[in-house]
Amino acid sequence: MRVLLASEFFYPSIGGAQEVVRQIATRLAARGHDVTVATTRLAERRTRELEGVRIEEFEIAGNRMTGMTGEVDRYRHHVREGGFDALLTYAAQQWTTDAILDDVGDLPLRTVLAPCGFSGLKRPLYDRYFADLRSILPRFDAIVVHSPTYQDA
């Protein structure tokens, strides 16, 4: 399969989300899948490949509620026209997920969201975001939650 993983930050950036996506990406690649990670452009990144995984950088910042700047249209085009079979977007409330929310259900690939807890769920700034998600979430092919008892479940 041709798989696109979308994570706001990725290697060499260090953090929990980055490590989870690295593990998923490199293990899928090791199984023979064609894997690309879409992520934020970082000045310190010295390679666009990691253990068989392509890294596609985008100069984008922000999210649906604060506004997104940069190569948002190029990212949307990459998701839609990249020839991928599946997309896993890792974490809500950041650009790699928020930029495609209006397209979910109309994209030519399977879509999976791992929301990672919906950290803004109780923040008034995100009230409209979560109201909109009520109609958007059912359009994903799958939702992956880390715990069946946490708020994103």
N, C-alpha and C. Protein backbone atom coordinates (compact mmCIF):
# COMPACT_ATOMS: atom_id res chain seq x y z
N MET A 1 0.84 -1.20 0.00
CA MET A 1 0.00 0.00 0.00
C MET A 1 0.87 1.25 0.00
N ARG A 2 0.33 2.31 -0.54
CA ARG A 2 0.96 3.63 -0.43
C ARG A 2 0.27 4.35 0.72
N VAL A 3 1.02 4.61 1.78
CA VAL A 3 0.47 5.15 3.02
C VAL A 3 1.05 6.53 3.29
N LEU A 4 0.17 7.47 3.63
CA LEU A 4 0.58 8.80 4.05
C LEU A 4 0.25 8.95 5.53
N LEU A 5 1.26 9.25 6.31
CA LEU A 5 1.07 9.57 7.72
C LEU A 5 1.26 11.07 7.86
N ALA A 6 0.38 11.73 8.59
CA ALA A 6 0.44 13.17 8.73
C ALA A 6 0.60 13.52 10.20
N SER A 7 1.68 14.21 10.51
CA SER A 7 1.99 14.57 11.89
C SER A 7 2.63 15.96 11.88
N GLU A 8 2.11 16.84 12.71
CA GLU A 8 2.61 18.22 12.72
C GLU A 8 4.13 18.24 12.85
N PHE A 9 4.67 17.40 13.71
CA PHE A 9 6.13 17.31 13.87
C PHE A 9 6.59 15.88 13.72
N PHE A 10 7.82 15.71 13.24
CA PHE A 10 8.39 14.40 12.98
C PHE A 10 9.91 14.52 13.08
N TYR A 11 10.58 13.40 13.13
CA TYR A 11 12.03 13.34 13.20
C TYR A 11 12.67 14.46 12.37
N PRO A 12 13.63 15.18 12.89
CA PRO A 12 14.37 14.99 14.13
C PRO A 12 13.73 15.62 15.37
N SER A 13 12.54 16.17 15.22
CA SER A 13 11.83 16.69 16.39
C SER A 13 11.55 15.52 17.34
N ILE A 14 11.63 15.79 18.63
CA ILE A 14 11.46 14.74 19.63
C ILE A 14 10.20 15.01 20.43
N GLY A 15 9.40 13.97 20.61
CA GLY A 15 8.18 14.06 21.40
C GLY A 15 7.37 12.79 21.25
N GLY A 16 6.33 12.66 22.03
CA GLY A 16 5.53 11.45 22.02
C GLY A 16 4.87 11.18 20.68
N ALA A 17 4.20 12.18 20.11
CA ALA A 17 3.54 11.99 18.81
C ALA A 17 4.57 11.65 17.73
N GLN A 18 5.69 12.33 17.77
CA GLN A 18 6.73 12.08 16.77
C GLN A 18 7.22 10.63 16.85
N GLU A 19 7.38 10.12 18.06
CA GLU A 19 7.87 8.75 18.22
C GLU A 19 6.83 7.74 17.78
N VAL A 20 5.57 7.96 18.12
CA VAL A 20 4.52 7.04 17.68
C VAL A 20 4.47 6.99 16.16
N VAL A 21 4.48 8.14 15.52
CA VAL A 21 4.41 8.16 14.05
C VAL A 21 5.67 7.55 13.45
N ARG A 22 6.82 7.78 14.05
CA ARG A 22 8.06 7.15 13.56
C ARG A 22 7.96 5.64 13.62
N GLN A 23 7.47 5.12 14.73
CA GLN A 23 7.33 3.67 14.88
C GLN A 23 6.36 3.09 13.85
N ILE A 24 5.21 3.74 13.69
CA ILE A 24 4.23 3.26 12.70
C ILE A 24 4.84 3.30 11.30
N ALA A 25 5.46 4.44 10.96
CA ALA A 25 6.01 4.62 9.61
C ALA A 25 7.11 3.62 9.29
N THR A 26 8.08 3.50 10.18
CA THR A 26 9.22 2.62 9.88
C THR A 26 8.80 1.15 9.89
N ARG A 27 7.86 0.79 10.73
CA ARG A 27 7.40 -0.61 10.75
C ARG A 27 6.58 -0.95 9.52
N LEU A 28 5.76 0.00 9.05
CA LEU A 28 5.03 -0.24 7.80
C LEU A 28 6.00 -0.35 6.63
N ALA A 29 7.00 0.52 6.59
CA ALA A 29 8.00 0.47 5.53
C ALA A 29 8.76 -0.86 5.56
N ALA A 30 9.10 -1.33 6.75
CA ALA A 30 9.81 -2.60 6.89
C ALA A 30 8.97 -3.77 6.39
N ARG A 31 7.65 -3.62 6.41
CA ARG A 31 6.75 -4.66 5.90
C ARG A 31 6.52 -4.54 4.40
N GLY A 32 7.17 -3.57 3.76
CA GLY A 32 7.09 -3.44 2.31
C GLY A 32 6.15 -2.37 1.79
N HIS A 33 5.53 -1.62 2.68
CA HIS A 33 4.63 -0.55 2.24
C HIS A 33 5.44 0.67 1.82
N ASP A 34 4.88 1.45 0.94
CA ASP A 34 5.46 2.71 0.47
C ASP A 34 4.92 3.80 1.39
N VAL A 35 5.77 4.34 2.26
CA VAL A 35 5.32 5.22 3.33
C VAL A 35 5.93 6.61 3.19
N THR A 36 5.07 7.61 3.33
CA THR A 36 5.49 9.01 3.35
C THR A 36 4.92 9.65 4.61
N VAL A 37 5.70 10.51 5.24
CA VAL A 37 5.22 11.31 6.37
C VAL A 37 5.15 12.76 5.91
N ALA A 38 3.97 13.37 6.05
CA ALA A 38 3.78 14.80 5.78
C ALA A 38 3.92 15.51 7.11
N THR A 39 4.77 16.53 7.15
CA THR A 39 5.09 17.19 8.41
C THR A 39 5.59 18.61 8.18
N THR A 40 5.78 19.31 9.27
CA THR A 40 6.27 20.69 9.22
C THR A 40 7.74 20.73 8.81
N ARG A 41 8.08 21.68 7.96
CA ARG A 41 9.47 21.89 7.57
C ARG A 41 10.27 22.36 8.79
N LEU A 42 11.40 21.71 9.03
CA LEU A 42 12.28 22.07 10.14
C LEU A 42 13.68 22.37 9.60
N ALA A 43 14.26 23.48 10.03
CA ALA A 43 15.60 23.86 9.58
C ALA A 43 16.64 22.81 9.95
N GLU A 44 16.43 22.13 11.07
CA GLU A 44 17.42 21.15 11.53
C GLU A 44 17.30 19.79 10.86
N ARG A 45 16.29 19.57 10.04
CA ARG A 45 16.15 18.29 9.35
C ARG A 45 17.19 18.22 8.25
N ARG A 46 18.00 17.19 8.26
CA ARG A 46 19.09 17.04 7.30
C ARG A 46 18.82 15.97 6.25
N THR A 47 17.72 15.26 6.39
CA THR A 47 17.40 14.20 5.43
C THR A 47 15.90 14.19 5.18
N ARG A 48 15.53 13.74 4.00
CA ARG A 48 14.10 13.60 3.66
C ARG A 48 13.72 12.13 3.58
N GLU A 49 14.54 11.28 4.23
CA GLU A 49 14.29 9.85 4.26
C GLU A 49 14.76 9.32 5.61
N LEU A 50 13.99 8.41 6.18
CA LEU A 50 14.35 7.78 7.45
C LEU A 50 13.92 6.32 7.41
N GLU A 51 14.88 5.43 7.38
CA GLU A 51 14.60 3.99 7.43
C GLU A 51 13.54 3.56 6.43
N GLY A 52 13.66 4.04 5.20
CA GLY A 52 12.73 3.67 4.14
C GLY A 52 11.47 4.51 4.07
N VAL A 53 11.37 5.52 4.89
CA VAL A 53 10.20 6.40 4.93
C VAL A 53 10.56 7.75 4.32
N ARG A 54 9.78 8.19 3.33
CA ARG A 54 9.97 9.52 2.76
C ARG A 54 9.39 10.58 3.70
N ILE A 55 10.04 11.70 3.80
CA ILE A 55 9.55 12.82 4.60
C ILE A 55 9.24 13.97 3.65
N GLU A 56 7.98 14.37 3.62
CA GLU A 56 7.54 15.48 2.78
C GLU A 56 7.24 16.66 3.69
N GLU A 57 8.02 17.72 3.54
CA GLU A 57 7.90 18.88 4.42
C GLU A 57 6.99 19.95 3.83
N PHE A 58 6.28 20.61 4.74
CA PHE A 58 5.40 21.71 4.36
C PHE A 58 5.66 22.88 5.31
N GLU A 59 5.73 24.05 4.74
CA GLU A 59 5.90 25.27 5.52
C GLU A 59 4.50 25.75 5.91
N ILE A 60 3.97 25.17 6.98
CA ILE A 60 2.61 25.48 7.45
C ILE A 60 2.65 25.63 8.96
N ALA A 61 1.83 26.54 9.47
CA ALA A 61 1.67 26.71 10.92
C ALA A 61 0.21 26.99 11.20
N GLY A 62 -0.20 26.68 12.45
CA GLY A 62 -1.54 27.02 12.89
C GLY A 62 -2.49 25.85 12.89
N ASN A 63 -3.77 26.17 13.07
CA ASN A 63 -4.82 25.15 13.06
C ASN A 63 -6.14 25.81 12.64
N ARG A 64 -7.20 25.03 12.65
CA ARG A 64 -8.50 25.50 12.16
C ARG A 64 -9.02 26.70 12.96
N MET A 65 -8.76 26.76 14.25
CA MET A 65 -9.31 27.83 15.07
C MET A 65 -8.42 29.07 15.12
N THR A 66 -7.12 28.90 15.05
CA THR A 66 -6.23 30.05 15.11
C THR A 66 -5.87 30.56 13.72
N GLY A 67 -6.19 29.76 12.71
CA GLY A 67 -5.86 30.10 11.33
C GLY A 67 -4.58 29.39 10.91
N MET A 68 -4.53 29.00 9.65
CA MET A 68 -3.36 28.32 9.11
C MET A 68 -2.69 29.20 8.07
N THR A 69 -1.37 29.22 8.11
CA THR A 69 -0.59 30.00 7.16
C THR A 69 0.39 29.09 6.45
N GLY A 70 0.76 29.48 5.25
CA GLY A 70 1.78 28.74 4.52
C GLY A 70 1.21 27.91 3.39
N GLU A 71 1.83 26.76 3.16
CA GLU A 71 1.57 25.92 2.00
C GLU A 71 0.36 24.99 2.18
N VAL A 72 -0.73 25.53 2.68
CA VAL A 72 -1.91 24.72 2.97
C VAL A 72 -2.47 24.10 1.69
N ASP A 73 -2.56 24.86 0.62
CA ASP A 73 -3.09 24.33 -0.64
C ASP A 73 -2.19 23.23 -1.20
N ARG A 74 -0.88 23.41 -1.09
CA ARG A 74 0.05 22.37 -1.57
C ARG A 74 -0.13 21.09 -0.77
N TYR A 75 -0.34 21.19 0.55
CA TYR A 75 -0.58 20.02 1.38
C TYR A 75 -1.88 19.32 0.98
N ARG A 76 -2.95 20.09 0.84
CA ARG A 76 -4.23 19.49 0.43
C ARG A 76 -4.10 18.78 -0.91
N HIS A 77 -3.40 19.39 -1.84
CA HIS A 77 -3.17 18.77 -3.16
C HIS A 77 -2.37 17.48 -3.00
N HIS A 78 -1.35 17.49 -2.15
CA HIS A 78 -0.53 16.30 -1.90
C HIS A 78 -1.37 15.15 -1.37
N VAL A 79 -2.27 15.45 -0.45
CA VAL A 79 -3.15 14.42 0.11
C VAL A 79 -4.08 13.88 -0.98
N ARG A 80 -4.69 14.78 -1.73
CA ARG A 80 -5.69 14.39 -2.73
C ARG A 80 -5.07 13.74 -3.96
N GLU A 81 -3.96 14.25 -4.44
CA GLU A 81 -3.40 13.83 -5.73
C GLU A 81 -2.13 12.99 -5.60
N GLY A 82 -1.73 12.64 -4.40
CA GLY A 82 -0.47 11.93 -4.19
C GLY A 82 -0.50 10.44 -4.52
N GLY A 83 -1.67 9.91 -4.86
CA GLY A 83 -1.76 8.51 -5.21
C GLY A 83 -1.70 7.57 -4.01
N PHE A 84 -2.02 8.08 -2.85
CA PHE A 84 -1.98 7.27 -1.63
C PHE A 84 -3.24 6.42 -1.51
N ASP A 85 -3.09 5.27 -0.87
CA ASP A 85 -4.22 4.39 -0.59
C ASP A 85 -4.88 4.73 0.74
N ALA A 86 -4.08 5.22 1.68
CA ALA A 86 -4.59 5.51 3.02
C ALA A 86 -3.83 6.66 3.65
N LEU A 87 -4.54 7.38 4.50
CA LEU A 87 -3.98 8.49 5.29
C LEU A 87 -4.29 8.24 6.75
N LEU A 88 -3.26 8.30 7.59
CA LEU A 88 -3.44 8.36 9.03
C LEU A 88 -2.98 9.73 9.47
N THR A 89 -3.89 10.54 9.95
CA THR A 89 -3.52 11.84 10.47
C THR A 89 -3.51 11.75 11.99
N TYR A 90 -2.36 12.13 12.55
CA TYR A 90 -2.10 11.89 13.95
C TYR A 90 -2.21 13.19 14.74
N ALA A 91 -3.26 13.29 15.53
CA ALA A 91 -3.56 14.40 16.44
C ALA A 91 -4.47 15.42 15.76
N ALA A 92 -5.52 15.77 16.48
CA ALA A 92 -6.44 16.82 16.04
C ALA A 92 -5.92 18.16 16.55
N GLN A 93 -6.59 19.21 16.10
CA GLN A 93 -6.28 20.57 16.55
C GLN A 93 -4.89 21.03 16.11
N GLN A 94 -4.41 20.50 14.99
CA GLN A 94 -3.16 20.96 14.40
C GLN A 94 -3.30 20.83 12.88
N TRP A 95 -2.43 21.48 12.14
CA TRP A 95 -2.67 21.70 10.72
C TRP A 95 -2.78 20.44 9.87
N THR A 96 -2.03 19.38 10.17
CA THR A 96 -2.09 18.22 9.28
C THR A 96 -3.45 17.56 9.28
N THR A 97 -4.19 17.69 10.36
CA THR A 97 -5.56 17.20 10.41
C THR A 97 -6.53 18.28 9.97
N ASP A 98 -6.40 19.46 10.55
CA ASP A 98 -7.38 20.52 10.34
C ASP A 98 -7.47 20.96 8.88
N ALA A 99 -6.37 20.91 8.15
CA ALA A 99 -6.37 21.36 6.76
C ALA A 99 -7.21 20.47 5.85
N ILE A 100 -7.45 19.22 6.26
CA ILE A 100 -8.21 18.31 5.40
C ILE A 100 -9.60 17.99 5.94
N LEU A 101 -9.97 18.57 7.06
CA LEU A 101 -11.26 18.22 7.67
C LEU A 101 -12.44 18.44 6.73
N ASP A 102 -12.44 19.51 5.97
CA ASP A 102 -13.56 19.78 5.07
C ASP A 102 -13.60 18.81 3.88
N ASP A 103 -12.48 18.13 3.62
CA ASP A 103 -12.39 17.21 2.48
C ASP A 103 -12.67 15.76 2.85
N VAL A 104 -12.64 15.44 4.14
CA VAL A 104 -12.81 14.05 4.57
C VAL A 104 -14.15 13.53 4.05
N GLY A 105 -14.12 12.36 3.51
CA GLY A 105 -15.31 11.77 2.90
C GLY A 105 -15.32 11.94 1.40
N ASP A 106 -14.59 12.93 0.90
CA ASP A 106 -14.50 13.16 -0.54
C ASP A 106 -13.11 12.88 -1.09
N LEU A 107 -12.19 12.46 -0.23
CA LEU A 107 -10.82 12.18 -0.65
C LEU A 107 -10.75 10.81 -1.31
N PRO A 108 -9.83 10.64 -2.29
CA PRO A 108 -9.73 9.36 -3.01
C PRO A 108 -8.85 8.34 -2.28
N LEU A 109 -8.93 8.29 -0.97
CA LEU A 109 -8.15 7.36 -0.17
C LEU A 109 -8.88 7.12 1.15
N ARG A 110 -8.50 6.05 1.82
CA ARG A 110 -9.07 5.75 3.13
C ARG A 110 -8.48 6.73 4.14
N THR A 111 -9.31 7.20 5.07
CA THR A 111 -8.84 8.19 6.05
C THR A 111 -9.04 7.67 7.47
N VAL A 112 -7.98 7.84 8.27
CA VAL A 112 -7.98 7.41 9.66
C VAL A 112 -7.49 8.59 10.50
N LEU A 113 -8.19 8.85 11.59
CA LEU A 113 -7.80 9.90 12.52
C LEU A 113 -7.47 9.28 13.87
N ALA A 114 -6.31 9.64 14.40
CA ALA A 114 -5.96 9.34 15.79
C ALA A 114 -5.94 10.69 16.50
N PRO A 115 -7.02 11.06 17.20
CA PRO A 115 -7.14 12.42 17.74
C PRO A 115 -6.21 12.75 18.89
N CYS A 116 -5.69 11.77 19.58
CA CYS A 116 -4.73 11.99 20.67
C CYS A 116 -5.30 12.80 21.83
N GLY A 117 -6.55 12.58 22.15
CA GLY A 117 -7.11 13.13 23.37
C GLY A 117 -7.96 14.37 23.27
N PHE A 118 -7.98 15.06 22.13
CA PHE A 118 -8.76 16.30 22.00
C PHE A 118 -8.46 17.25 23.16
N SER A 119 -7.23 17.68 23.26
CA SER A 119 -6.78 18.49 24.40
C SER A 119 -7.57 19.79 24.58
N GLY A 120 -8.17 20.31 23.53
CA GLY A 120 -8.91 21.57 23.64
C GLY A 120 -10.40 21.39 23.91
N LEU A 121 -10.81 20.18 24.21
CA LEU A 121 -12.23 19.88 24.34
C LEU A 121 -12.96 20.79 25.31
N LYS A 122 -12.33 21.18 26.38
CA LYS A 122 -12.99 22.01 27.40
C LYS A 122 -12.58 23.48 27.32
N ARG A 123 -11.88 23.85 26.25
CA ARG A 123 -11.46 25.25 26.08
C ARG A 123 -12.47 25.98 25.20
N PRO A 124 -13.01 27.11 25.67
CA PRO A 124 -14.01 27.86 24.88
C PRO A 124 -13.55 28.21 23.47
N LEU A 125 -12.26 28.44 23.28
CA LEU A 125 -11.74 28.76 21.95
C LEU A 125 -12.11 27.68 20.94
N TYR A 126 -12.24 26.45 21.39
CA TYR A 126 -12.48 25.31 20.51
C TYR A 126 -13.94 24.87 20.46
N ASP A 127 -14.86 25.62 21.04
CA ASP A 127 -16.27 25.22 21.03
C ASP A 127 -16.78 24.98 19.60
N ARG A 128 -16.51 25.91 18.69
CA ARG A 128 -16.97 25.76 17.31
C ARG A 128 -16.29 24.56 16.63
N TYR A 129 -15.02 24.36 16.93
CA TYR A 129 -14.25 23.25 16.37
C TYR A 129 -14.95 21.92 16.67
N PHE A 130 -15.27 21.73 17.94
CA PHE A 130 -15.89 20.46 18.33
C PHE A 130 -17.34 20.35 17.88
N ALA A 131 -18.02 21.47 17.74
CA ALA A 131 -19.36 21.44 17.16
C ALA A 131 -19.28 20.98 15.70
N ASP A 132 -18.30 21.49 14.95
CA ASP A 132 -18.10 21.08 13.56
C ASP A 132 -17.72 19.60 13.46
N LEU A 133 -16.91 19.12 14.40
CA LEU A 133 -16.45 17.74 14.35
C LEU A 133 -17.60 16.72 14.43
N ARG A 134 -18.70 17.12 15.02
CA ARG A 134 -19.83 16.18 15.13
C ARG A 134 -20.28 15.68 13.76
N SER A 135 -20.21 16.52 12.76
CA SER A 135 -20.61 16.08 11.41
C SER A 135 -19.42 15.58 10.59
N ILE A 136 -18.21 15.91 10.99
CA ILE A 136 -17.02 15.51 10.23
C ILE A 136 -16.52 14.13 10.63
N LEU A 137 -16.48 13.82 11.91
CA LEU A 137 -15.91 12.55 12.37
C LEU A 137 -16.52 11.32 11.71
N PRO A 138 -17.84 11.27 11.50
CA PRO A 138 -18.40 10.08 10.85
C PRO A 138 -17.92 9.86 9.41
N ARG A 139 -17.33 10.87 8.80
CA ARG A 139 -16.85 10.74 7.43
C ARG A 139 -15.48 10.07 7.36
N PHE A 140 -14.76 9.99 8.49
CA PHE A 140 -13.49 9.24 8.52
C PHE A 140 -13.82 7.76 8.40
N ASP A 141 -12.93 7.01 7.77
CA ASP A 141 -13.12 5.56 7.67
C ASP A 141 -12.88 4.88 9.00
N ALA A 142 -12.03 5.47 9.83
CA ALA A 142 -11.77 4.90 11.16
C ALA A 142 -11.24 6.00 12.08
N ILE A 143 -11.52 5.82 13.35
CA ILE A 143 -10.98 6.69 14.40
C ILE A 143 -10.23 5.77 15.36
N VAL A 144 -9.00 6.13 15.69
CA VAL A 144 -8.19 5.35 16.62
C VAL A 144 -8.00 6.17 17.89
N VAL A 145 -8.47 5.64 19.01
CA VAL A 145 -8.26 6.31 20.30
C VAL A 145 -7.29 5.48 21.13
N HIS A 146 -6.55 6.16 21.99
CA HIS A 146 -5.55 5.48 22.79
C HIS A 146 -6.14 4.80 24.03
N SER A 147 -7.33 5.21 24.43
CA SER A 147 -7.98 4.61 25.58
C SER A 147 -9.49 4.68 25.36
N PRO A 148 -10.20 3.59 25.61
CA PRO A 148 -11.66 3.62 25.44
C PRO A 148 -12.38 4.42 26.52
N THR A 149 -11.66 4.85 27.54
CA THR A 149 -12.29 5.59 28.63
C THR A 149 -11.89 7.07 28.67
N TYR A 150 -11.03 7.51 27.75
CA TYR A 150 -10.62 8.92 27.76
C TYR A 150 -11.60 9.76 26.93
N GLN A 151 -11.53 11.06 27.05
CA GLN A 151 -12.52 11.97 26.48
C GLN A 151 -12.65 11.89 24.96
N ASP A 152 -11.60 11.51 24.23
CA ASP A 152 -11.74 11.44 22.77
C ASP A 152 -12.56 10.23 22.35
N ALA A 153 -12.65 9.22 23.19
CA ALA A 153 -13.50 8.07 22.87
C ALA A 153 -14.96 8.48 22.96
